[in-house]
Amino acid sequence: MSDMDARIYQPTKTAMQSGRGNTKKWLLEYKIAEKKVTEPLMGWTGSGDMRGQLRLRFATKEEAIAYAERHAIPYTVTEPKQRAIRPKSYADNFKFDRIE
């Protein structure tokens, strides 16, 4: 992969979210081309890589791929992991043979 590669993915929900509201969109994000440096006087972190700040949002994966191909951006697509939803019942909290 070159320094200009982009990654197309669906973001996961943050620890502060209970719902899945912002996880439906697809993001195109450039890979880091230049290492971040801490400025010695003020302690700020910076980089000369301006593409590292760019995040493009798309409604579908196909739109993101079409954008990358239209602008000749090499990309990799990361598919999201599917959640395993275990069915639960409130009554299970009071079962006699419940494991504690």
PDB file of N, CA and C in Angstrom:
ATOM      1  N   MET A   1       0.837  -1.192   0.000  1.00  0.00           N
ATOM      2  CA  MET A   1       0.000   0.000   0.000  1.00  0.00           C
ATOM      3  C   MET A   1       0.876   1.248   0.000  1.00  0.00           C
ATOM      4  N   SER A   2       0.453   2.226  -0.716  1.00  0.00           N
ATOM      5  CA  SER A   2       1.205   3.476  -0.752  1.00  0.00           C
ATOM      6  C   SER A   2       0.733   4.399   0.377  1.00  0.00           C
ATOM      7  N   ASP A   3       1.392   5.557   0.471  1.00  0.00           N
ATOM      8  CA  ASP A   3       1.050   6.517   1.526  1.00  0.00           C
ATOM      9  C   ASP A   3      -0.289   7.196   1.279  1.00  0.00           C
ATOM     10  N   MET A   4      -0.786   7.145   0.069  1.00  0.00           N
ATOM     11  CA  MET A   4      -2.005   7.864  -0.265  1.00  0.00           C
ATOM     12  C   MET A   4      -3.258   6.997  -0.167  1.00  0.00           C
ATOM     13  N   ASP A   5      -3.111   5.776   0.302  1.00  0.00           N
ATOM     14  CA  ASP A   5      -4.265   4.887   0.374  1.00  0.00           C
ATOM     15  C   ASP A   5      -5.322   5.439   1.317  1.00  0.00           C
ATOM     16  N   ALA A   6      -6.561   5.083   1.018  1.00  0.00           N
ATOM     17  CA  ALA A   6      -7.681   5.484   1.860  1.00  0.00           C
ATOM     18  C   ALA A   6      -8.347   4.222   2.398  1.00  0.00           C
ATOM     19  N   ARG A   7      -9.047   4.389   3.488  1.00  0.00           N
ATOM     20  CA  ARG A   7      -9.781   3.278   4.092  1.00  0.00           C
ATOM     21  C   ARG A   7     -11.247   3.656   4.097  1.00  0.00           C
ATOM     22  N   ILE A   8     -12.093   2.739   3.643  1.00  0.00           N
ATOM     23  CA  ILE A   8     -13.544   2.936   3.637  1.00  0.00           C
ATOM     24  C   ILE A   8     -14.119   1.980   4.667  1.00  0.00           C
ATOM     25  N   TYR A   9     -14.859   2.523   5.634  1.00  0.00           N
ATOM     26  CA  TYR A   9     -15.387   1.687   6.711  1.00  0.00           C
ATOM     27  C   TYR A   9     -16.620   2.326   7.331  1.00  0.00           C
ATOM     28  N   GLN A  10     -17.322   1.533   8.138  1.00  0.00           N
ATOM     29  CA  GLN A  10     -18.444   2.025   8.932  1.00  0.00           C
ATOM     30  C   GLN A  10     -17.937   2.185  10.359  1.00  0.00           C
ATOM     31  N   PRO A  11     -18.068   3.371  10.963  1.00  0.00           N
ATOM     32  CA  PRO A  11     -17.558   3.547  12.323  1.00  0.00           C
ATOM     33  C   PRO A  11     -18.392   2.762  13.337  1.00  0.00           C
ATOM     34  N   THR A  12     -17.738   2.346  14.409  1.00  0.00           N
ATOM     35  CA  THR A  12     -18.453   1.671  15.485  1.00  0.00           C
ATOM     36  C   THR A  12     -19.008   2.722  16.434  1.00  0.00           C
ATOM     37  N   LYS A  13     -19.915   2.335  17.271  1.00  0.00           N
ATOM     38  CA  LYS A  13     -20.457   3.295  18.227  1.00  0.00           C
ATOM     39  C   LYS A  13     -19.425   3.539  19.324  1.00  0.00           C
ATOM     40  N   THR A  14     -19.446   4.730  19.875  1.00  0.00           N
ATOM     41  CA  THR A  14     -18.503   5.059  20.937  1.00  0.00           C
ATOM     42  C   THR A  14     -19.001   4.502  22.265  1.00  0.00           C
ATOM     43  N   ALA A  15     -18.160   4.548  23.275  1.00  0.00           N
ATOM     44  CA  ALA A  15     -18.545   4.059  24.595  1.00  0.00           C
ATOM     45  C   ALA A  15     -19.614   4.943  25.224  1.00  0.00           C
ATOM     46  N   MET A  16     -19.748   6.168  24.736  1.00  0.00           N
ATOM     47  CA  MET A  16     -20.738   7.088  25.296  1.00  0.00           C
ATOM     48  C   MET A  16     -22.102   6.951  24.624  1.00  0.00           C
ATOM     49  N   GLN A  17     -22.208   6.129  23.587  1.00  0.00           N
ATOM     50  CA  GLN A  17     -23.474   5.955  22.880  1.00  0.00           C
ATOM     51  C   GLN A  17     -24.176   4.693  23.362  1.00  0.00           C
ATOM     52  N   SER A  18     -25.461   4.777  23.555  1.00  0.00           N
ATOM     53  CA  SER A  18     -26.216   3.568  23.844  1.00  0.00           C
ATOM     54  C   SER A  18     -26.878   3.059  22.573  1.00  0.00           C
ATOM     55  N   GLY A  19     -27.190   3.958  21.662  1.00  0.00           N
ATOM     56  CA  GLY A  19     -27.823   3.573  20.406  1.00  0.00           C
ATOM     57  C   GLY A  19     -26.812   3.431  19.298  1.00  0.00           C
ATOM     58  N   ARG A  20     -27.310   3.155  18.113  1.00  0.00           N
ATOM     59  CA  ARG A  20     -26.432   2.960  16.957  1.00  0.00           C
ATOM     60  C   ARG A  20     -26.669   4.050  15.914  1.00  0.00           C
ATOM     61  N   GLY A  21     -26.940   5.278  16.368  1.00  0.00           N
ATOM     62  CA  GLY A  21     -27.331   6.362  15.477  1.00  0.00           C
ATOM     63  C   GLY A  21     -26.294   6.757  14.448  1.00  0.00           C
ATOM     64  N   ASN A  22     -25.033   6.909  14.825  1.00  0.00           N
ATOM     65  CA  ASN A  22     -24.010   7.388  13.894  1.00  0.00           C
ATOM     66  C   ASN A  22     -23.252   6.255  13.228  1.00  0.00           C
ATOM     67  N   THR A  23     -23.752   5.046  13.302  1.00  0.00           N
ATOM     68  CA  THR A  23     -23.024   3.917  12.745  1.00  0.00           C
ATOM     69  C   THR A  23     -23.547   3.479  11.390  1.00  0.00           C
ATOM     70  N   LYS A  24     -24.495   4.193  10.823  1.00  0.00           N
ATOM     71  CA  LYS A  24     -25.071   3.812   9.534  1.00  0.00           C
ATOM     72  C   LYS A  24     -24.282   4.365   8.350  1.00  0.00           C
ATOM     73  N   LYS A  25     -23.576   5.456   8.534  1.00  0.00           N
ATOM     74  CA  LYS A  25     -22.831   6.097   7.454  1.00  0.00           C
ATOM     75  C   LYS A  25     -21.514   5.359   7.192  1.00  0.00           C
ATOM     76  N   TRP A  26     -20.944   5.600   6.036  1.00  0.00           N
ATOM     77  CA  TRP A  26     -19.642   5.054   5.660  1.00  0.00           C
ATOM     78  C   TRP A  26     -18.652   6.204   5.595  1.00  0.00           C
ATOM     79  N   LEU A  27     -17.428   5.966   6.040  1.00  0.00           N
ATOM     80  CA  LEU A  27     -16.390   6.992   6.047  1.00  0.00           C
ATOM     81  C   LEU A  27     -15.267   6.623   5.092  1.00  0.00           C
ATOM     82  N   LEU A  28     -14.707   7.629   4.445  1.00  0.00           N
ATOM     83  CA  LEU A  28     -13.483   7.479   3.677  1.00  0.00           C
ATOM     84  C   LEU A  28     -12.437   8.302   4.407  1.00  0.00           C
ATOM     85  N   GLU A  29     -11.377   7.644   4.819  1.00  0.00           N
ATOM     86  CA  GLU A  29     -10.341   8.280   5.625  1.00  0.00           C
ATOM     87  C   GLU A  29      -8.984   7.915   5.027  1.00  0.00           C
ATOM     88  N   TYR A  30      -8.100   8.897   4.874  1.00  0.00           N
ATOM     89  CA  TYR A  30      -6.765   8.624   4.345  1.00  0.00           C
ATOM     90  C   TYR A  30      -5.896   8.011   5.434  1.00  0.00           C
ATOM     91  N   LYS A  31      -4.999   7.130   5.012  1.00  0.00           N
ATOM     92  CA  LYS A  31      -4.046   6.551   5.964  1.00  0.00           C
ATOM     93  C   LYS A  31      -3.007   7.608   6.315  1.00  0.00           C
ATOM     94  N   ILE A  32      -2.393   7.458   7.456  1.00  0.00           N
ATOM     95  CA  ILE A  32      -1.416   8.431   7.939  1.00  0.00           C
ATOM     96  C   ILE A  32      -0.156   8.340   7.081  1.00  0.00           C
ATOM     97  N   ALA A  33       0.235   9.454   6.488  1.00  0.00           N
ATOM     98  CA  ALA A  33       1.400   9.485   5.610  1.00  0.00           C
ATOM     99  C   ALA A  33       2.634  10.007   6.332  1.00  0.00           C
ATOM    100  N   GLU A  34       2.435  10.772   7.377  1.00  0.00           N
ATOM    101  CA  GLU A  34       3.555  11.380   8.081  1.00  0.00           C
ATOM    102  C   GLU A  34       3.348  11.230   9.584  1.00  0.00           C
ATOM    103  N   LYS A  35       4.404  10.884  10.279  1.00  0.00           N
ATOM    104  CA  LYS A  35       4.326  10.673  11.716  1.00  0.00           C
ATOM    105  C   LYS A  35       4.009  11.984  12.438  1.00  0.00           C
ATOM    106  N   LYS A  36       3.203  11.901  13.494  1.00  0.00           N
ATOM    107  CA  LYS A  36       2.892  13.093  14.281  1.00  0.00           C
ATOM    108  C   LYS A  36       4.081  13.431  15.189  1.00  0.00           C
ATOM    109  N   VAL A  37       4.279  14.735  15.379  1.00  0.00           N
ATOM    110  CA  VAL A  37       5.422  15.222  16.141  1.00  0.00           C
ATOM    111  C   VAL A  37       4.914  16.117  17.266  1.00  0.00           C
ATOM    112  N   THR A  38       5.511  15.988  18.440  1.00  0.00           N
ATOM    113  CA  THR A  38       5.161  16.868  19.552  1.00  0.00           C
ATOM    114  C   THR A  38       6.059  18.097  19.503  1.00  0.00           C
ATOM    115  N   GLU A  39       5.443  19.268  19.492  1.00  0.00           N
ATOM    116  CA  GLU A  39       6.183  20.528  19.454  1.00  0.00           C
ATOM    117  C   GLU A  39       6.805  20.745  20.833  1.00  0.00           C
ATOM    118  N   PRO A  40       8.123  20.972  20.919  1.00  0.00           N
ATOM    119  CA  PRO A  40       8.792  20.991  22.218  1.00  0.00           C
ATOM    120  C   PRO A  40       8.412  22.151  23.145  1.00  0.00           C
ATOM    121  N   LEU A  41       8.125  23.326  22.631  1.00  0.00           N
ATOM    122  CA  LEU A  41       7.859  24.469  23.479  1.00  0.00           C
ATOM    123  C   LEU A  41       6.476  24.406  24.128  1.00  0.00           C
ATOM    124  N   MET A  42       5.436  24.207  23.324  1.00  0.00           N
ATOM    125  CA  MET A  42       4.069  24.220  23.836  1.00  0.00           C
ATOM    126  C   MET A  42       3.519  22.829  24.121  1.00  0.00           C
ATOM    127  N   GLY A  43       4.135  21.788  23.547  1.00  0.00           N
ATOM    128  CA  GLY A  43       3.656  20.434  23.761  1.00  0.00           C
ATOM    129  C   GLY A  43       2.511  20.044  22.855  1.00  0.00           C
ATOM    130  N   TRP A  44       2.246  20.839  21.828  1.00  0.00           N
ATOM    131  CA  TRP A  44       1.171  20.521  20.901  1.00  0.00           C
ATOM    132  C   TRP A  44       1.602  19.394  19.985  1.00  0.00           C
ATOM    133  N   THR A  45       0.655  18.614  19.539  1.00  0.00           N
ATOM    134  CA  THR A  45       0.932  17.537  18.593  1.00  0.00           C
ATOM    135  C   THR A  45       0.515  18.011  17.215  1.00  0.00           C
ATOM    136  N   GLY A  46       1.403  17.829  16.244  1.00  0.00           N
ATOM    137  CA  GLY A  46       1.099  18.283  14.904  1.00  0.00           C
ATOM    138  C   GLY A  46       1.720  17.390  13.858  1.00  0.00           C
ATOM    139  N   SER A  47       1.364  17.654  12.616  1.00  0.00           N
ATOM    140  CA  SER A  47       1.875  16.887  11.495  1.00  0.00           C
ATOM    141  C   SER A  47       1.746  17.736  10.243  1.00  0.00           C
ATOM    142  N   GLY A  48       2.571  17.460   9.260  1.00  0.00           N
ATOM    143  CA  GLY A  48       2.475  18.150   7.987  1.00  0.00           C
ATOM    144  C   GLY A  48       1.508  17.467   7.040  1.00  0.00           C
ATOM    145  N   ASP A  49       0.927  16.377   7.477  1.00  0.00           N
ATOM    146  CA  ASP A  49       0.005  15.598   6.646  1.00  0.00           C
ATOM    147  C   ASP A  49      -1.397  16.168   6.775  1.00  0.00           C
ATOM    148  N   MET A  50      -1.816  16.951   5.788  1.00  0.00           N
ATOM    149  CA  MET A  50      -3.142  17.570   5.839  1.00  0.00           C
ATOM    150  C   MET A  50      -4.257  16.577   5.524  1.00  0.00           C
ATOM    151  N   ARG A  51      -3.957  15.522   4.775  1.00  0.00           N
ATOM    152  CA  ARG A  51      -4.999  14.542   4.444  1.00  0.00           C
ATOM    153  C   ARG A  51      -5.403  13.718   5.655  1.00  0.00           C
ATOM    154  N   GLY A  52      -4.580  13.685   6.669  1.00  0.00           N
ATOM    155  CA  GLY A  52      -4.923  12.956   7.885  1.00  0.00           C
ATOM    156  C   GLY A  52      -6.100  13.562   8.625  1.00  0.00           C
ATOM    157  N   GLN A  53      -6.424  14.802   8.319  1.00  0.00           N
ATOM    158  CA  GLN A  53      -7.549  15.486   8.960  1.00  0.00           C
ATOM    159  C   GLN A  53      -8.853  15.312   8.187  1.00  0.00           C
ATOM    160  N   LEU A  54      -8.777  14.728   7.019  1.00  0.00           N
ATOM    161  CA  LEU A  54      -9.929  14.647   6.128  1.00  0.00           C
ATOM    162  C   LEU A  54     -10.713  13.358   6.362  1.00  0.00           C
ATOM    163  N   ARG A  55     -12.016  13.508   6.630  1.00  0.00           N
ATOM    164  CA  ARG A  55     -12.936  12.374   6.768  1.00  0.00           C
ATOM    165  C   ARG A  55     -14.171  12.696   5.943  1.00  0.00           C
ATOM    166  N   LEU A  56     -14.420  11.902   4.928  1.00  0.00           N
ATOM    167  CA  LEU A  56     -15.582  12.106   4.075  1.00  0.00           C
ATOM    168  C   LEU A  56     -16.661  11.112   4.452  1.00  0.00           C
ATOM    169  N   ARG A  57     -17.898  11.587   4.593  1.00  0.00           N
ATOM    170  CA  ARG A  57     -19.018  10.723   4.970  1.00  0.00           C
ATOM    171  C   ARG A  57     -19.911  10.449   3.760  1.00  0.00           C
ATOM    172  N   PHE A  58     -20.341   9.193   3.650  1.00  0.00           N
ATOM    173  CA  PHE A  58     -21.209   8.768   2.555  1.00  0.00           C
ATOM    174  C   PHE A  58     -22.354   7.962   3.129  1.00  0.00           C
ATOM    175  N   ALA A  59     -23.487   7.973   2.432  1.00  0.00           N
ATOM    176  CA  ALA A  59     -24.662   7.238   2.896  1.00  0.00           C
ATOM    177  C   ALA A  59     -24.497   5.734   2.681  1.00  0.00           C
ATOM    178  N   THR A  60     -23.807   5.339   1.614  1.00  0.00           N
ATOM    179  CA  THR A  60     -23.627   3.918   1.331  1.00  0.00           C
ATOM    180  C   THR A  60     -22.172   3.614   1.001  1.00  0.00           C
ATOM    181  N   LYS A  61     -21.845   2.336   1.090  1.00  0.00           N
ATOM    182  CA  LYS A  61     -20.495   1.883   0.747  1.00  0.00           C
ATOM    183  C   LYS A  61     -20.231   2.107  -0.738  1.00  0.00           C
ATOM    184  N   GLU A  62     -21.235   1.893  -1.570  1.00  0.00           N
ATOM    185  CA  GLU A  62     -21.070   2.048  -3.011  1.00  0.00           C
ATOM    186  C   GLU A  62     -20.740   3.492  -3.390  1.00  0.00           C
ATOM    187  N   GLU A  63     -21.344   4.454  -2.693  1.00  0.00           N
ATOM    188  CA  GLU A  63     -21.031   5.870  -2.957  1.00  0.00           C
ATOM    189  C   GLU A  63     -19.583   6.176  -2.615  1.00  0.00           C
ATOM    190  N   ALA A  64     -19.094   5.638  -1.517  1.00  0.00           N
ATOM    191  CA  ALA A  64     -17.710   5.873  -1.113  1.00  0.00           C
ATOM    192  C   ALA A  64     -16.743   5.246  -2.109  1.00  0.00           C
ATOM    193  N   ILE A  65     -17.046   4.043  -2.560  1.00  0.00           N
ATOM    194  CA  ILE A  65     -16.187   3.375  -3.541  1.00  0.00           C
ATOM    195  C   ILE A  65     -16.204   4.136  -4.862  1.00  0.00           C
ATOM    196  N   ALA A  66     -17.374   4.601  -5.284  1.00  0.00           N
ATOM    197  CA  ALA A  66     -17.479   5.363  -6.535  1.00  0.00           C
ATOM    198  C   ALA A  66     -16.670   6.655  -6.452  1.00  0.00           C
ATOM    199  N   TYR A  67     -16.704   7.321  -5.307  1.00  0.00           N
ATOM    200  CA  TYR A  67     -15.928   8.554  -5.125  1.00  0.00           C
ATOM    201  C   TYR A  67     -14.430   8.264  -5.240  1.00  0.00           C
ATOM    202  N   ALA A  68     -13.982   7.197  -4.557  1.00  0.00           N
ATOM    203  CA  ALA A  68     -12.554   6.853  -4.585  1.00  0.00           C
ATOM    204  C   ALA A  68     -12.112   6.484  -5.994  1.00  0.00           C
ATOM    205  N   GLU A  69     -12.928   5.742  -6.723  1.00  0.00           N
ATOM    206  CA  GLU A  69     -12.561   5.359  -8.084  1.00  0.00           C
ATOM    207  C   GLU A  69     -12.613   6.550  -9.037  1.00  0.00           C
ATOM    208  N   ARG A  70     -13.576   7.448  -8.841  1.00  0.00           N
ATOM    209  CA  ARG A  70     -13.698   8.631  -9.698  1.00  0.00           C
ATOM    210  C   ARG A  70     -12.486   9.551  -9.552  1.00  0.00           C
ATOM    211  N   HIS A  71     -11.924   9.602  -8.332  1.00  0.00           N
ATOM    212  CA  HIS A  71     -10.772  10.476  -8.076  1.00  0.00           C
ATOM    213  C   HIS A  71      -9.454   9.713  -8.051  1.00  0.00           C
ATOM    214  N   ALA A  72      -9.459   8.460  -8.504  1.00  0.00           N
ATOM    215  CA  ALA A  72      -8.262   7.607  -8.599  1.00  0.00           C
ATOM    216  C   ALA A  72      -7.535   7.490  -7.263  1.00  0.00           C
ATOM    217  N   ILE A  73      -8.291   7.261  -6.201  1.00  0.00           N
ATOM    218  CA  ILE A  73      -7.728   7.086  -4.859  1.00  0.00           C
ATOM    219  C   ILE A  73      -7.668   5.591  -4.571  1.00  0.00           C
ATOM    220  N   PRO A  74      -6.480   5.036  -4.331  1.00  0.00           N
ATOM    221  CA  PRO A  74      -6.420   3.624  -3.949  1.00  0.00           C
ATOM    222  C   PRO A  74      -7.080   3.446  -2.583  1.00  0.00           C
ATOM    223  N   TYR A  75      -7.877   2.399  -2.434  1.00  0.00           N
ATOM    224  CA  TYR A  75      -8.651   2.253  -1.195  1.00  0.00           C
ATOM    225  C   TYR A  75      -8.713   0.794  -0.768  1.00  0.00           C
ATOM    226  N   THR A  76      -9.037   0.605   0.499  1.00  0.00           N
ATOM    227  CA  THR A  76      -9.362  -0.713   1.037  1.00  0.00           C
ATOM    228  C   THR A  76     -10.693  -0.560   1.765  1.00  0.00           C
ATOM    229  N   VAL A  77     -11.543  -1.574   1.642  1.00  0.00           N
ATOM    230  CA  VAL A  77     -12.845  -1.556   2.287  1.00  0.00           C
ATOM    231  C   VAL A  77     -12.793  -2.509   3.481  1.00  0.00           C
ATOM    232  N   THR A  78     -13.162  -2.000   4.646  1.00  0.00           N
ATOM    233  CA  THR A  78     -13.238  -2.803   5.855  1.00  0.00           C
ATOM    234  C   THR A  78     -14.713  -3.017   6.167  1.00  0.00           C
ATOM    235  N   GLU A  79     -15.146  -4.256   6.067  1.00  0.00           N
ATOM    236  CA  GLU A  79     -16.547  -4.584   6.339  1.00  0.00           C
ATOM    237  C   GLU A  79     -16.791  -4.582   7.849  1.00  0.00           C
ATOM    238  N   PRO A  80     -17.957  -4.099   8.281  1.00  0.00           N
ATOM    239  CA  PRO A  80     -18.238  -4.084   9.727  1.00  0.00           C
ATOM    240  C   PRO A  80     -18.548  -5.494  10.235  1.00  0.00           C
ATOM    241  N   LYS A  81     -18.211  -5.719  11.497  1.00  0.00           N
ATOM    242  CA  LYS A  81     -18.559  -6.986  12.130  1.00  0.00           C
ATOM    243  C   LYS A  81     -20.018  -6.923  12.549  1.00  0.00           C
ATOM    244  N   GLN A  82     -20.727  -8.014  12.352  1.00  0.00           N
ATOM    245  CA  GLN A  82     -22.133  -8.057  12.726  1.00  0.00           C
ATOM    246  C   GLN A  82     -22.271  -8.331  14.218  1.00  0.00           C
ATOM    247  N   ARG A  83     -23.194  -7.622  14.835  1.00  0.00           N
ATOM    248  CA  ARG A  83     -23.444  -7.823  16.259  1.00  0.00           C
ATOM    249  C   ARG A  83     -24.164  -9.140  16.481  1.00  0.00           C
ATOM    250  N   ALA A  84     -23.756  -9.835  17.517  1.00  0.00           N
ATOM    251  CA  ALA A  84     -24.465 -11.052  17.912  1.00  0.00           C
ATOM    252  C   ALA A  84     -25.428 -10.670  19.028  1.00  0.00           C
ATOM    253  N   ILE A  85     -26.708 -10.654  18.730  1.00  0.00           N
ATOM    254  CA  ILE A  85     -27.711 -10.253  19.714  1.00  0.00           C
ATOM    255  C   ILE A  85     -28.236 -11.509  20.388  1.00  0.00           C
ATOM    256  N   ARG A  86     -27.993 -11.596  21.686  1.00  0.00           N
ATOM    257  CA  ARG A  86     -28.483 -12.731  22.451  1.00  0.00           C
ATOM    258  C   ARG A  86     -29.849 -12.378  23.011  1.00  0.00           C
ATOM    259  N   PRO A  87     -30.852 -13.204  22.743  1.00  0.00           N
ATOM    260  CA  PRO A  87     -32.174 -12.900  23.294  1.00  0.00           C
ATOM    261  C   PRO A  87     -32.163 -13.056  24.810  1.00  0.00           C
ATOM    262  N   LYS A  88     -32.728 -12.085  25.506  1.00  0.00           N
ATOM    263  CA  LYS A  88     -32.777 -12.100  26.963  1.00  0.00           C
ATOM    264  C   LYS A  88     -34.211 -11.907  27.411  1.00  0.00           C
ATOM    265  N   SER A  89     -34.485 -12.423  28.570  1.00  0.00           N
ATOM    266  CA  SER A  89     -35.800 -12.261  29.156  1.00  0.00           C
ATOM    267  C   SER A  89     -35.622 -11.695  30.559  1.00  0.00           C
ATOM    268  N   TYR A  90     -36.472 -10.771  30.932  1.00  0.00           N
ATOM    269  CA  TYR A  90     -36.398 -10.192  32.274  1.00  0.00           C
ATOM    270  C   TYR A  90     -36.612 -11.263  33.333  1.00  0.00           C
ATOM    271  N   ALA A  91     -37.424 -12.253  33.040  1.00  0.00           N
ATOM    272  CA  ALA A  91     -37.714 -13.322  34.005  1.00  0.00           C
ATOM    273  C   ALA A  91     -36.479 -14.164  34.305  1.00  0.00           C
ATOM    274  N   ASP A  92     -35.486 -14.173  33.389  1.00  0.00           N
ATOM    275  CA  ASP A  92     -34.268 -14.948  33.635  1.00  0.00           C
ATOM    276  C   ASP A  92     -33.489 -14.417  34.831  1.00  0.00           C
ATOM    277  N   ASN A  93     -33.691 -13.177  35.204  1.00  0.00           N
ATOM    278  CA  ASN A  93     -33.003 -12.618  36.373  1.00  0.00           C
ATOM    279  C   ASN A  93     -33.446 -13.290  37.676  1.00  0.00           C
ATOM    280  N   PHE A  94     -34.585 -13.919  37.675  1.00  0.00           N
ATOM    281  CA  PHE A  94     -35.146 -14.492  38.902  1.00  0.00           C
ATOM    282  C   PHE A  94     -35.248 -16.022  38.861  1.00  0.00           C
ATOM    283  N   LYS A  95     -34.554 -16.650  37.897  1.00  0.00           N
ATOM    284  CA  LYS A  95     -34.583 -18.111  37.811  1.00  0.00           C
ATOM    285  C   LYS A  95     -33.925 -18.734  39.018  1.00  0.00           C
ATOM    286  N   PHE A  96     -34.410 -19.889  39.420  1.00  0.00           N
ATOM    287  CA  PHE A  96     -33.874 -20.589  40.581  1.00  0.00           C
ATOM    288  C   PHE A  96     -32.458 -21.106  40.312  1.00  0.00           C
ATOM    289  N   ASP A  97     -32.207 -21.620  39.113  1.00  0.00           N
ATOM    290  CA  ASP A  97     -30.907 -22.194  38.801  1.00  0.00           C
ATOM    291  C   ASP A  97     -29.979 -21.192  38.089  1.00  0.00           C
ATOM    292  N   ARG A  98     -30.144 -19.922  38.365  1.00  0.00           N
ATOM    293  CA  ARG A  98     -29.339 -18.868  37.749  1.00  0.00           C
ATOM    294  C   ARG A  98     -27.887 -18.947  38.220  1.00  0.00           C
ATOM    295  N   ILE A  99     -26.956 -18.776  37.300  1.00  0.00           N
ATOM    296  CA  ILE A  99     -25.528 -18.800  37.640  1.00  0.00           C
ATOM    297  C   ILE A  99     -25.144 -17.394  38.108  1.00  0.00           C
ATOM    298  N   GLU A 100     -24.495 -17.331  39.252  1.00  0.00           N
ATOM    299  CA  GLU A 100     -24.109 -16.002  39.793  1.00  0.00           C
ATOM    300  C   GLU A 100     -22.654 -15.758  39.685  1.00  0.00           C
TER     301      GLU A 100
END
